[in-house]
Amino acid sequence: MVFWLYLLIAILTEVVGTTLMKVSQGLTRLVPSVLMFVLYGISFAFMALALKRIEVSIAYAVWSGLGTALIAAIGIFWFRESINIPKLMGIVLIIVGVILLNLKGAG
């Protein structure tokens, strides 16, 4: 169970790091830029810990899928990015793919 917590920490720190990438305005703002690199380092460290017990295919699918969905939501709600049916369907398909991989991994 603790390894899934490590994966969740990896996802959340990666999502905040990616958000800070946008806030850094192309790495021109010092504090968001430095924090971005720190959070990416933390994310990779926790991902490595999670991979001690979680299969890499499952862990990476959850990490990238959930991270992508969260970043898309942050983009839409915080940065006021556009939302349309193809974008929404893409996010749904990513989530469905992660669920299917996890169902297969449990079997």
C-alpha atoms as a PDB file:
ATOM      1  CA  MET A   1       0.000   0.000   0.000  1.00  0.00           C
ATOM      2  CA  VAL A   2       2.839   2.390   0.811  1.00  0.00           C
ATOM      3  CA  PHE A   3       4.160   1.989  -2.748  1.00  0.00           C
ATOM      4  CA  TRP A   4       0.877   3.309  -4.130  1.00  0.00           C
ATOM      5  CA  LEU A   5       1.286   6.300  -1.814  1.00  0.00           C
ATOM      6  CA  TYR A   6       4.768   6.811  -3.292  1.00  0.00           C
ATOM      7  CA  LEU A   7       3.219   6.736  -6.749  1.00  0.00           C
ATOM      8  CA  LEU A   8       0.591   9.295  -5.730  1.00  0.00           C
ATOM      9  CA  ILE A   9       3.303  11.592  -4.365  1.00  0.00           C
ATOM     10  CA  ALA A  10       5.233  11.161  -7.628  1.00  0.00           C
ATOM     11  CA  ILE A  11       2.143  12.116  -9.625  1.00  0.00           C
ATOM     12  CA  LEU A  12       1.245  15.144  -7.516  1.00  0.00           C
ATOM     13  CA  THR A  13       4.782  16.550  -7.448  1.00  0.00           C
ATOM     14  CA  GLU A  14       5.067  16.071 -11.213  1.00  0.00           C
ATOM     15  CA  VAL A  15       1.746  17.852 -11.763  1.00  0.00           C
ATOM     16  CA  VAL A  16       2.765  20.795  -9.561  1.00  0.00           C
ATOM     17  CA  GLY A  17       6.153  20.878 -11.300  1.00  0.00           C
ATOM     18  CA  THR A  18       4.500  20.992 -14.710  1.00  0.00           C
ATOM     19  CA  THR A  19       2.160  23.743 -13.519  1.00  0.00           C
ATOM     20  CA  LEU A  20       5.201  25.690 -12.362  1.00  0.00           C
ATOM     21  CA  MET A  21       6.743  25.185 -15.803  1.00  0.00           C
ATOM     22  CA  LYS A  22       3.851  27.208 -17.214  1.00  0.00           C
ATOM     23  CA  VAL A  23       4.097  29.778 -14.405  1.00  0.00           C
ATOM     24  CA  SER A  24       7.855  30.154 -15.005  1.00  0.00           C
ATOM     25  CA  GLN A  25       7.092  31.743 -18.398  1.00  0.00           C
ATOM     26  CA  GLY A  26       9.669  29.771 -20.327  1.00  0.00           C
ATOM     27  CA  LEU A  27      12.102  29.499 -17.389  1.00  0.00           C
ATOM     28  CA  THR A  28      12.362  33.304 -17.166  1.00  0.00           C
ATOM     29  CA  ARG A  29      11.037  33.510 -13.593  1.00  0.00           C
ATOM     30  CA  LEU A  30      13.587  32.204 -11.083  1.00  0.00           C
ATOM     31  CA  VAL A  31      11.470  30.871  -8.205  1.00  0.00           C
ATOM     32  CA  PRO A  32       8.956  28.869 -10.279  1.00  0.00           C
ATOM     33  CA  SER A  33      11.818  27.551 -12.433  1.00  0.00           C
ATOM     34  CA  VAL A  34      13.861  26.328  -9.462  1.00  0.00           C
ATOM     35  CA  LEU A  35      10.797  24.837  -7.759  1.00  0.00           C
ATOM     36  CA  MET A  36       9.891  23.052 -10.987  1.00  0.00           C
ATOM     37  CA  PHE A  37      13.250  21.261 -11.090  1.00  0.00           C
ATOM     38  CA  VAL A  38      13.080  20.421  -7.376  1.00  0.00           C
ATOM     39  CA  LEU A  39       9.589  18.952  -7.721  1.00  0.00           C
ATOM     40  CA  TYR A  40      10.568  16.939 -10.801  1.00  0.00           C
ATOM     41  CA  GLY A  41      13.474  15.492  -8.804  1.00  0.00           C
ATOM     42  CA  ILE A  42      11.141  14.572  -5.955  1.00  0.00           C
ATOM     43  CA  SER A  43       8.698  13.078  -8.445  1.00  0.00           C
ATOM     44  CA  PHE A  44      11.330  10.841 -10.041  1.00  0.00           C
ATOM     45  CA  ALA A  45      12.635   9.771  -6.624  1.00  0.00           C
ATOM     46  CA  PHE A  46       9.171   8.708  -5.470  1.00  0.00           C
ATOM     47  CA  MET A  47       8.496   7.025  -8.806  1.00  0.00           C
ATOM     48  CA  ALA A  48      11.672   4.993  -8.302  1.00  0.00           C
ATOM     49  CA  LEU A  49      10.470   3.984  -4.836  1.00  0.00           C
ATOM     50  CA  ALA A  50       7.054   3.007  -6.204  1.00  0.00           C
ATOM     51  CA  LEU A  51       8.695   0.823  -8.854  1.00  0.00           C
ATOM     52  CA  LYS A  52      10.141  -1.406  -6.143  1.00  0.00           C
ATOM     53  CA  ARG A  53       6.743  -3.100  -5.868  1.00  0.00           C
ATOM     54  CA  ILE A  54       4.502  -1.833  -8.688  1.00  0.00           C
ATOM     55  CA  GLU A  55       5.022  -3.138 -12.222  1.00  0.00           C
ATOM     56  CA  VAL A  56       6.570  -0.459 -14.433  1.00  0.00           C
ATOM     57  CA  SER A  57       3.818  -0.754 -17.061  1.00  0.00           C
ATOM     58  CA  ILE A  58       1.112  -0.156 -14.471  1.00  0.00           C
ATOM     59  CA  ALA A  59       2.984   2.538 -12.549  1.00  0.00           C
ATOM     60  CA  TYR A  60       3.888   4.507 -15.649  1.00  0.00           C
ATOM     61  CA  ALA A  61       0.378   4.246 -17.080  1.00  0.00           C
ATOM     62  CA  VAL A  62      -1.136   5.549 -13.841  1.00  0.00           C
ATOM     63  CA  TRP A  63       1.569   8.236 -13.484  1.00  0.00           C
ATOM     64  CA  SER A  64       1.275   9.545 -17.021  1.00  0.00           C
ATOM     65  CA  GLY A  65      -2.489   9.072 -17.364  1.00  0.00           C
ATOM     66  CA  LEU A  66      -3.502  10.664 -14.091  1.00  0.00           C
ATOM     67  CA  GLY A  67      -0.856  13.348 -14.510  1.00  0.00           C
ATOM     68  CA  THR A  68      -2.123  14.187 -17.989  1.00  0.00           C
ATOM     69  CA  ALA A  69      -5.734  14.370 -16.827  1.00  0.00           C
ATOM     70  CA  LEU A  70      -4.829  16.577 -13.850  1.00  0.00           C
ATOM     71  CA  ILE A  71      -2.686  18.910 -15.953  1.00  0.00           C
ATOM     72  CA  ALA A  72      -5.466  19.193 -18.529  1.00  0.00           C
ATOM     73  CA  ALA A  73      -7.937  20.093 -15.761  1.00  0.00           C
ATOM     74  CA  ILE A  74      -5.509  22.675 -14.322  1.00  0.00           C
ATOM     75  CA  GLY A  75      -5.037  24.134 -17.787  1.00  0.00           C
ATOM     76  CA  ILE A  76      -8.767  24.421 -18.326  1.00  0.00           C
ATOM     77  CA  PHE A  77      -9.780  25.719 -14.903  1.00  0.00           C
ATOM     78  CA  TRP A  78      -6.730  27.727 -13.776  1.00  0.00           C
ATOM     79  CA  PHE A  79      -5.143  28.904 -17.020  1.00  0.00           C
ATOM     80  CA  ARG A  80      -8.514  29.265 -18.807  1.00  0.00           C
ATOM     81  CA  GLU A  81      -7.488  27.018 -21.709  1.00  0.00           C
ATOM     82  CA  SER A  82     -10.144  25.992 -24.179  1.00  0.00           C
ATOM     83  CA  ILE A  83     -12.261  22.886 -23.739  1.00  0.00           C
ATOM     84  CA  ASN A  84     -13.908  21.067 -26.587  1.00  0.00           C
ATOM     85  CA  ILE A  85     -15.320  17.633 -27.312  1.00  0.00           C
ATOM     86  CA  PRO A  86     -12.130  16.136 -28.848  1.00  0.00           C
ATOM     87  CA  LYS A  87     -10.011  17.330 -25.884  1.00  0.00           C
ATOM     88  CA  LEU A  88     -12.552  16.029 -23.382  1.00  0.00           C
ATOM     89  CA  MET A  89     -12.820  12.674 -25.188  1.00  0.00           C
ATOM     90  CA  GLY A  90      -9.033  12.373 -25.248  1.00  0.00           C
ATOM     91  CA  ILE A  91      -8.863  12.846 -21.488  1.00  0.00           C
ATOM     92  CA  VAL A  92     -11.642  10.291 -20.978  1.00  0.00           C
ATOM     93  CA  LEU A  93      -9.834   7.781 -23.213  1.00  0.00           C
ATOM     94  CA  ILE A  94      -6.603   8.240 -21.250  1.00  0.00           C
ATOM     95  CA  ILE A  95      -8.452   7.543 -17.992  1.00  0.00           C
ATOM     96  CA  VAL A  96     -10.219   4.516 -19.483  1.00  0.00           C
ATOM     97  CA  GLY A  97      -6.873   3.195 -20.749  1.00  0.00           C
ATOM     98  CA  VAL A  98      -5.318   3.494 -17.294  1.00  0.00           C
ATOM     99  CA  ILE A  99      -8.290   1.683 -15.762  1.00  0.00           C
ATOM    100  CA  LEU A 100      -8.039  -1.124 -18.330  1.00  0.00           C
ATOM    101  CA  LEU A 101      -4.306  -1.532 -17.724  1.00  0.00           C
ATOM    102  CA  ASN A 102      -4.945  -1.768 -13.994  1.00  0.00           C
ATOM    103  CA  LEU A 103      -7.680  -4.357 -14.466  1.00  0.00           C
ATOM    104  CA  LYS A 104      -5.347  -6.443 -16.604  1.00  0.00           C
ATOM    105  CA  GLY A 105      -2.548  -5.994 -14.068  1.00  0.00           C
ATOM    106  CA  ALA A 106      -4.750  -7.298 -11.258  1.00  0.00           C
ATOM    107  CA  GLY A 107      -5.577 -10.493 -13.139  1.00  0.00           C
END
